[in-house]
């Protein structure tokens, strides 16, 4: 299915379902087939397939067949689009924003490729931790700015 433009409301409806959120969490970790998802999530394979179909029709995931060593080819799924949703609200302010990344961002030179796989894994892990810390700091700053903005809005209204 061709990718369609998703609205914030549509995306929120897609992820409001906890099973779909669990499916997306698993798919973000690895490409997986419905029976495996069903067992891991303890949900019927029919229910998993139904949710995967909804996610695929929305263009969030795609399916493909891969050879299996123990039988016919298996149908696997993987996520294909990247989104960031910010929802902020308080007594004086409400904002809901959605951003879709056109492609996976590059590493910005944060990690150079090395020949030793163990060293490369360590560097990638360290860089991942650095990015996590930077994102946490940005979230703290965003929180502080949001509170200041709410206070200012209250003051302007009074």
Protein backbone atom coordinates (compact mmCIF):
# COMPACT_ATOMS: atom_id res chain seq x y z
CA UNK A 1 0.00 0.00 0.00
CA UNK A 2 1.26 3.47 -0.78
CA UNK A 3 2.09 5.70 2.14
CA UNK A 4 -0.67 8.12 2.93
CA UNK A 5 -0.51 11.40 4.77
CA UNK A 6 -1.56 10.72 8.33
CA UNK A 7 -3.18 13.33 10.50
CA UNK A 8 -2.49 13.61 14.20
CA UNK A 9 -6.02 12.39 14.96
CA UNK A 10 -5.59 9.33 12.75
CA UNK A 11 -2.23 8.47 14.27
CA UNK A 12 -3.59 8.87 17.79
CA UNK A 13 -6.52 6.56 16.94
CA UNK A 14 -4.05 3.98 15.62
CA UNK A 15 -1.92 4.00 18.76
CA UNK A 16 -4.73 4.40 21.30
CA UNK A 17 -5.12 0.63 21.30
CA UNK A 18 -2.69 -0.97 23.81
CA UNK A 19 -2.24 -4.10 21.70
CA UNK A 20 -1.19 -2.00 18.70
CA UNK A 21 1.26 -0.10 20.91
CA UNK A 22 2.72 -3.41 22.11
CA UNK A 23 2.96 -4.63 18.52
CA UNK A 24 4.75 -1.43 17.46
CA UNK A 25 7.10 -1.75 20.44
CA UNK A 26 8.03 -5.29 19.42
CA UNK A 27 8.40 -4.34 15.76
CA UNK A 28 10.72 -1.48 16.72
CA UNK A 29 12.99 -4.08 18.35
CA UNK A 30 12.93 -6.68 15.58
CA UNK A 31 11.13 -7.75 12.44
CA UNK A 32 8.69 -10.41 13.53
CA UNK A 33 5.94 -12.71 12.25
CA UNK A 34 2.35 -12.82 13.60
CA UNK A 35 2.56 -16.18 15.41
CA UNK A 36 5.67 -15.06 17.27
CA UNK A 37 3.95 -11.77 18.18
CA UNK A 38 0.87 -13.67 19.31
CA UNK A 39 2.90 -15.85 21.66
CA UNK A 40 4.93 -12.96 23.08
CA UNK A 41 1.91 -10.72 23.61
CA UNK A 42 -0.40 -13.55 24.72
CA UNK A 43 -3.04 -12.47 22.24
CA UNK A 44 -4.70 -14.64 19.61
CA UNK A 45 -2.96 -14.82 16.26
CA UNK A 46 -6.20 -13.67 14.60
CA UNK A 47 -6.25 -10.50 16.77
CA UNK A 48 -2.57 -9.81 16.06
CA UNK A 49 -3.13 -10.25 12.32
CA UNK A 50 -6.11 -7.91 12.45
CA UNK A 51 -4.08 -5.18 14.18
CA UNK A 52 -1.15 -5.67 11.80
CA UNK A 53 -3.52 -5.26 8.86
CA UNK A 54 -4.80 -1.94 10.28
CA UNK A 55 -1.22 -0.73 10.82
CA UNK A 56 -0.22 -1.84 7.32
CA UNK A 57 -3.23 -0.15 5.69
CA UNK A 58 -2.23 3.07 7.45
CA UNK A 59 1.30 2.72 6.06
CA UNK A 60 2.99 2.36 9.46
CA UNK A 61 4.28 -1.16 8.82
CA UNK A 62 4.95 -3.33 5.81
CA UNK A 63 4.95 -7.08 5.35
CA UNK A 64 7.25 -9.35 3.39
CA UNK A 65 7.85 -13.09 3.03
CA UNK A 66 11.05 -14.75 4.17
CA UNK A 67 12.15 -18.36 3.74
CA UNK A 68 11.75 -20.56 6.77
CA UNK A 69 14.03 -23.49 7.58
CA UNK A 70 11.08 -25.39 9.04
CA UNK A 71 8.32 -24.98 6.47
CA UNK A 72 6.76 -22.53 4.05
CA UNK A 73 7.92 -18.90 3.86
CA UNK A 74 6.84 -16.75 6.81
CA UNK A 75 5.12 -13.40 6.61
CA UNK A 76 7.16 -10.85 8.58
CA UNK A 77 6.37 -7.26 9.49
CA UNK A 78 8.54 -4.20 10.08
CA UNK A 79 7.86 -0.53 10.79
CA UNK A 80 8.45 1.85 7.90
CA UNK A 81 7.67 5.37 9.11
CA UNK A 82 9.03 7.57 11.89
CA UNK A 83 6.83 9.91 13.93
CA UNK A 84 7.25 12.24 16.86
CA UNK A 85 4.14 13.35 18.77
CA UNK A 86 4.17 16.13 21.36
CA UNK A 87 1.09 16.81 23.46
CA UNK A 88 1.26 19.50 26.11
CA UNK A 89 -1.63 20.86 28.11
CA UNK A 90 -2.36 22.72 31.28
CA UNK A 91 -4.86 25.21 32.68
CA UNK A 92 -3.86 27.90 30.18
CA UNK A 93 -2.44 26.08 27.21
CA UNK A 94 -3.02 23.11 24.92
CA UNK A 95 -0.75 22.02 22.07
CA UNK A 96 -0.68 18.86 20.01
CA UNK A 97 1.95 18.46 17.31
CA UNK A 98 3.00 15.63 15.08
CA UNK A 99 6.16 15.41 13.04
CA UNK A 100 7.01 12.76 10.49
CA UNK A 101 10.65 12.19 9.72
CA UNK A 102 11.20 11.63 6.04
CA UNK A 103 14.07 9.22 6.66
CA UNK A 104 16.15 7.80 9.46
CA UNK A 105 18.49 10.55 10.63
CA UNK A 106 22.20 9.99 10.14
CA UNK A 107 24.51 9.53 13.09
CA UNK A 108 25.91 13.04 12.50
CA UNK A 109 29.43 11.67 12.68
CA UNK A 110 28.79 10.72 16.31
CA UNK A 111 30.19 7.25 15.78
CA UNK A 112 32.87 6.33 13.32
CA UNK A 113 32.85 2.83 11.94
CA UNK A 114 35.68 0.62 13.21
CA UNK A 115 36.89 -2.75 12.05
CA UNK A 116 36.59 -4.46 15.44
CA UNK A 117 32.89 -5.42 15.85
CA UNK A 118 33.09 -5.49 19.66
CA UNK A 119 34.62 -2.01 19.75
CA UNK A 120 32.01 -0.75 17.30
CA UNK A 121 29.21 -2.18 19.44
CA UNK A 122 30.65 -0.50 22.54
CA UNK A 123 30.90 2.83 20.71
CA UNK A 124 27.36 2.55 19.38
CA UNK A 125 26.09 1.74 22.87
CA UNK A 126 27.97 4.72 24.34
CA UNK A 127 26.60 7.00 21.64
CA UNK A 128 23.08 5.70 22.28
CA UNK A 129 23.47 6.55 25.97
CA UNK A 130 24.75 10.02 25.08
CA UNK A 131 21.74 10.62 22.82
CA UNK A 132 19.38 9.40 25.55
CA UNK A 133 20.92 11.83 28.06
CA UNK A 134 20.71 14.71 25.58
CA UNK A 135 17.04 13.93 24.88
CA UNK A 136 16.27 13.81 28.60
CA UNK A 137 17.91 17.22 29.03
CA UNK A 138 15.91 18.63 26.11
CA UNK A 139 12.72 17.26 27.67
CA UNK A 140 13.58 18.92 31.00
CA UNK A 141 14.16 22.22 29.17
CA UNK A 142 10.91 21.81 27.23
CA UNK A 143 9.06 21.16 30.49
CA UNK A 144 10.48 24.31 32.07
CA UNK A 145 9.62 26.40 29.01
CA UNK A 146 6.12 24.97 28.92
CA UNK A 147 5.54 25.91 32.58
CA UNK A 148 6.82 29.43 31.96
CA UNK A 149 4.53 29.73 28.95
CA UNK A 150 1.53 28.53 30.98
CA UNK A 151 2.26 31.07 33.71
CA UNK A 152 2.60 33.82 31.11
CA UNK A 153 -0.71 32.83 29.47
CA UNK A 154 -2.48 32.92 32.86
CA UNK A 155 -0.99 36.32 33.58
CA UNK A 156 -2.00 37.70 30.19
CA UNK A 157 -5.59 36.51 30.71
CA UNK A 158 -5.92 38.10 34.15
